[in-house]
Amino acid sequence: MFTITDEEGEYMVKLARATIEAKLGLRDPPGTGDAPKFMQQWCGVFVTLNKEGPEGYSLRGCIGYPYPVKRLLDALRESASNAAFDDPRFPPVKASEMDRIVVEVSVLTPPETVDVKSPVEYPSSVRVGTDGLIVCRGASRGLLLPQVATDWDWDSEEFLSQCCMKAGLPPDTWLTEGTEVQRFQAIIFGEERPGGAVTRHIMN
């Protein structure tokens, strides 16, 4: 697992918000001349937007790159824009919503295949609260970040089943021979409130 300082985490979250706000015409496009050197590395990253409502916060958009296919700086800006405007589950974010949206950035380790002798061993090989999951079968692929299982209080079997459904597959597909399960970890930073202080999210 690589390391990211709190200052680097704060920079990433603020850059993600600034990227969205600039596209909404709320500010000038952010410069990146002061970007930390760490952001030149190639890393997977996801940007998650949660919107404040009467019953707390709910998902408003989440898109990213699971694999290290480009510089973190570029992947982060693209993920922020896509989470706000191109998540097919939601309409594009409006400027009037930004004072109710908190921004979260998850930087991912490269996914690795979970090696088991039998699919029934997957639950004992998945660490809820630490691992994120990718389930692959044929052209179908589903990903869930590690914080999702914690937020919903899932055990490892439910986490695997939910990841299958995210891929559009039956929930027990992880038990079928030929299904590939990958895991990764994430370092997560997010706003405490919309546009507010940024903190590191510690996974249990």
Protein backbone atom coordinates (compact mmCIF):
# COMPACT_ATOMS: atom_id res chain seq x y z
CA MET A 1 0.00 0.00 0.00
CA PHE A 2 1.39 3.39 -0.99
CA THR A 3 1.11 6.39 1.31
CA ILE A 4 -0.70 9.69 0.79
CA THR A 5 -0.27 12.59 3.19
CA ASP A 6 -3.23 14.50 4.59
CA GLU A 7 -2.10 17.52 2.58
CA GLU A 8 -2.10 15.50 -0.65
CA GLY A 9 -5.54 14.13 0.20
CA GLU A 10 -6.88 17.61 0.83
CA TYR A 11 -5.46 18.79 -2.49
CA MET A 12 -7.17 15.97 -4.37
CA VAL A 13 -10.60 16.56 -2.84
CA LYS A 14 -10.39 20.31 -3.41
CA LEU A 15 -9.27 19.76 -7.01
CA ALA A 16 -12.20 17.42 -7.63
CA ARG A 17 -14.67 19.99 -6.29
CA ALA A 18 -13.02 22.84 -8.20
CA THR A 19 -13.15 20.81 -11.43
CA ILE A 20 -16.90 20.32 -11.05
CA GLU A 21 -17.58 23.91 -10.01
CA ALA A 22 -15.59 25.24 -12.97
CA LYS A 23 -17.70 23.19 -15.39
CA LEU A 24 -20.80 24.64 -13.75
CA GLY A 25 -19.50 28.18 -14.25
CA LEU A 26 -19.11 28.80 -10.52
CA ARG A 27 -15.38 29.52 -10.71
CA ASP A 28 -12.42 29.63 -13.07
CA PRO A 29 -10.83 26.31 -14.07
CA PRO A 30 -8.33 25.26 -11.38
CA GLY A 31 -4.63 25.37 -12.13
CA THR A 32 -2.53 22.31 -11.36
CA GLY A 33 0.95 23.79 -11.32
CA ASP A 34 1.11 23.19 -7.58
CA ALA A 35 -0.07 19.57 -7.79
CA PRO A 36 1.85 17.20 -5.47
CA LYS A 37 4.45 15.02 -7.20
CA PHE A 38 2.50 11.99 -6.05
CA MET A 39 -0.19 12.84 -8.58
CA GLN A 40 2.17 12.12 -11.47
CA GLN A 41 1.97 8.42 -10.58
CA TRP A 42 -0.43 6.16 -12.42
CA CYS A 43 -3.19 5.09 -10.03
CA GLY A 44 -6.79 4.01 -10.07
CA VAL A 45 -9.14 6.55 -8.51
CA PHE A 46 -12.85 7.09 -7.89
CA VAL A 47 -14.72 10.28 -7.08
CA THR A 48 -17.92 9.89 -5.06
CA LEU A 49 -20.54 12.61 -4.60
CA ASN A 50 -23.06 12.37 -1.77
CA LYS A 51 -25.93 14.83 -1.46
CA GLU A 52 -27.42 16.04 1.79
CA GLY A 53 -31.16 15.48 2.16
CA PRO A 54 -33.87 15.19 4.81
CA GLU A 55 -32.69 11.72 5.85
CA GLY A 56 -28.95 12.33 5.63
CA TYR A 57 -26.60 11.89 2.70
CA SER A 58 -27.35 9.75 -0.36
CA LEU A 59 -25.32 8.88 -3.43
CA ARG A 60 -25.37 11.51 -6.19
CA GLY A 61 -22.65 10.12 -8.45
CA CYS A 62 -19.63 7.82 -8.41
CA ILE A 63 -17.30 7.10 -11.33
CA GLY A 64 -13.62 6.39 -11.66
CA TYR A 65 -10.80 4.27 -13.00
CA PRO A 66 -10.30 0.91 -11.24
CA TYR A 67 -6.95 0.31 -12.92
CA PRO A 68 -3.84 2.52 -13.15
CA VAL A 69 -4.29 3.51 -16.79
CA LYS A 70 -3.22 7.16 -16.55
CA ARG A 71 -1.69 9.78 -14.27
CA LEU A 72 -3.60 10.29 -11.04
CA LEU A 73 -3.86 14.01 -11.81
CA ASP A 74 -5.65 13.34 -15.10
CA ALA A 75 -7.72 10.42 -13.82
CA LEU A 76 -8.92 12.46 -10.86
CA ARG A 77 -10.12 15.41 -12.92
CA GLU A 78 -11.87 13.17 -15.42
CA SER A 79 -13.47 11.11 -12.66
CA ALA A 80 -14.75 14.23 -10.90
CA SER A 81 -16.34 15.51 -14.10
CA ASN A 82 -17.81 12.11 -14.98
CA ALA A 83 -19.22 11.55 -11.48
CA ALA A 84 -21.00 14.91 -11.64
CA PHE A 85 -22.22 14.90 -15.22
CA ASP A 86 -22.00 11.42 -16.77
CA ASP A 87 -23.10 8.88 -14.17
CA PRO A 88 -25.96 7.17 -16.04
CA ARG A 89 -27.84 6.55 -12.78
CA PHE A 90 -28.39 10.26 -12.14
CA PRO A 91 -29.15 13.49 -14.00
CA PRO A 92 -26.22 15.92 -14.31
CA VAL A 93 -25.40 17.88 -11.17
CA LYS A 94 -26.70 21.46 -11.15
CA ALA A 95 -24.94 24.48 -9.72
CA SER A 96 -27.70 24.90 -7.13
CA GLU A 97 -26.83 21.49 -5.64
CA MET A 98 -23.17 22.06 -4.88
CA ASP A 99 -23.76 23.56 -1.45
CA ARG A 100 -25.39 20.25 -0.45
CA ILE A 101 -22.85 17.86 -2.00
CA VAL A 102 -19.82 16.41 -0.25
CA VAL A 103 -16.90 15.20 -2.36
CA GLU A 104 -14.94 12.04 -1.62
CA VAL A 105 -11.82 10.73 -3.38
CA SER A 106 -10.65 7.10 -3.20
CA VAL A 107 -7.18 6.27 -4.55
CA LEU A 108 -6.94 2.57 -5.37
CA THR A 109 -4.17 -0.01 -5.22
CA PRO A 110 -3.87 -2.13 -8.39
CA PRO A 111 -6.54 -4.88 -8.28
CA GLU A 112 -5.29 -8.43 -7.74
CA THR A 113 -7.05 -11.70 -8.44
CA VAL A 114 -8.26 -13.53 -5.33
CA ASP A 115 -6.67 -16.98 -5.66
CA VAL A 116 -8.80 -19.76 -4.15
CA LYS A 117 -9.04 -23.52 -4.67
CA SER A 118 -12.84 -23.38 -4.63
CA PRO A 119 -15.32 -20.48 -4.92
CA VAL A 120 -16.70 -21.31 -1.45
CA GLU A 121 -13.41 -19.93 -0.07
CA TYR A 122 -14.07 -16.41 -1.39
CA PRO A 123 -15.90 -15.11 1.72
CA SER A 124 -13.00 -16.01 4.01
CA SER A 125 -10.57 -14.32 1.60
CA VAL A 126 -12.41 -10.98 1.53
CA ARG A 127 -11.73 -8.49 4.33
CA VAL A 128 -14.81 -6.34 4.83
CA GLY A 129 -13.79 -2.78 5.65
CA THR A 130 -10.43 -3.21 3.93
CA ASP A 131 -10.99 -4.74 0.50
CA GLY A 132 -12.91 -3.38 -2.44
CA LEU A 133 -14.17 -5.93 -4.97
CA ILE A 134 -14.39 -6.42 -8.70
CA VAL A 135 -16.39 -9.37 -10.05
CA CYS A 136 -15.74 -10.34 -13.67
CA ARG A 137 -17.57 -12.88 -15.80
CA GLY A 138 -17.43 -12.68 -19.56
CA ALA A 139 -18.09 -9.10 -20.59
CA SER A 140 -19.81 -8.33 -17.27
CA ARG A 141 -17.88 -6.47 -14.60
CA GLY A 142 -18.98 -4.93 -11.31
CA LEU A 143 -17.00 -2.90 -8.78
CA LEU A 144 -17.76 -1.83 -5.23
CA LEU A 145 -15.45 0.36 -3.16
CA PRO A 146 -14.44 -0.92 0.30
CA GLN A 147 -16.46 1.74 2.14
CA VAL A 148 -19.70 0.48 0.54
CA ALA A 149 -19.70 -2.77 2.52
CA THR A 150 -19.02 -0.86 5.74
CA ASP A 151 -21.73 1.73 5.03
CA TRP A 152 -24.32 -1.01 4.47
CA ASP A 153 -23.04 -3.33 7.21
CA TRP A 154 -22.60 -6.26 4.80
CA ASP A 155 -20.70 -9.42 5.61
CA SER A 156 -18.31 -10.84 3.01
CA GLU A 157 -20.94 -13.08 1.37
CA GLU A 158 -23.38 -10.20 0.96
CA PHE A 159 -20.56 -8.02 -0.36
CA LEU A 160 -19.74 -10.62 -3.02
CA SER A 161 -23.41 -10.99 -3.95
CA GLN A 162 -23.94 -7.25 -4.19
CA CYS A 163 -20.88 -6.92 -6.41
CA CYS A 164 -22.30 -9.60 -8.72
CA MET A 165 -25.56 -7.67 -8.97
CA LYS A 166 -23.62 -4.48 -9.68
CA ALA A 167 -22.24 -6.36 -12.70
CA GLY A 168 -25.78 -7.26 -13.78
CA LEU A 169 -25.27 -10.88 -12.78
CA PRO A 170 -27.27 -13.16 -10.44
CA PRO A 171 -26.16 -12.67 -6.82
CA ASP A 172 -24.66 -16.15 -6.51
CA THR A 173 -22.46 -15.85 -9.61
CA TRP A 174 -19.36 -15.68 -7.40
CA LEU A 175 -19.97 -19.37 -6.62
CA THR A 176 -19.83 -20.33 -10.30
CA GLU A 177 -16.58 -21.70 -11.66
CA GLY A 178 -15.03 -19.30 -14.15
CA THR A 179 -16.08 -16.14 -12.32
CA GLU A 180 -13.07 -14.00 -11.43
CA VAL A 181 -13.00 -12.05 -8.18
CA GLN A 182 -10.45 -9.28 -7.73
CA ARG A 183 -9.74 -7.19 -4.64
CA PHE A 184 -8.07 -3.86 -4.03
CA GLN A 185 -7.62 -1.40 -1.20
CA ALA A 186 -8.23 2.33 -1.11
CA ILE A 187 -6.98 5.43 0.65
CA ILE A 188 -10.00 7.67 1.11
CA PHE A 189 -10.36 11.39 1.78
CA GLY A 190 -13.61 13.33 1.94
CA GLU A 191 -15.23 16.57 3.00
CA GLU A 192 -16.82 16.65 6.45
CA ARG A 193 -19.52 18.92 5.02
CA PRO A 194 -20.08 20.49 1.57
CA GLY A 195 -16.99 22.51 0.71
CA GLY A 196 -15.66 22.08 4.26
CA ALA A 197 -12.62 20.54 5.88
CA VAL A 198 -11.15 17.39 4.35
CA THR A 199 -10.37 14.36 6.49
CA ARG A 200 -8.87 10.93 5.94
CA HIS A 201 -11.46 8.17 6.20
CA ILE A 202 -10.14 5.25 8.23
CA MET A 203 -11.49 1.84 7.23
CA ASN A 204 -11.98 -0.75 9.96
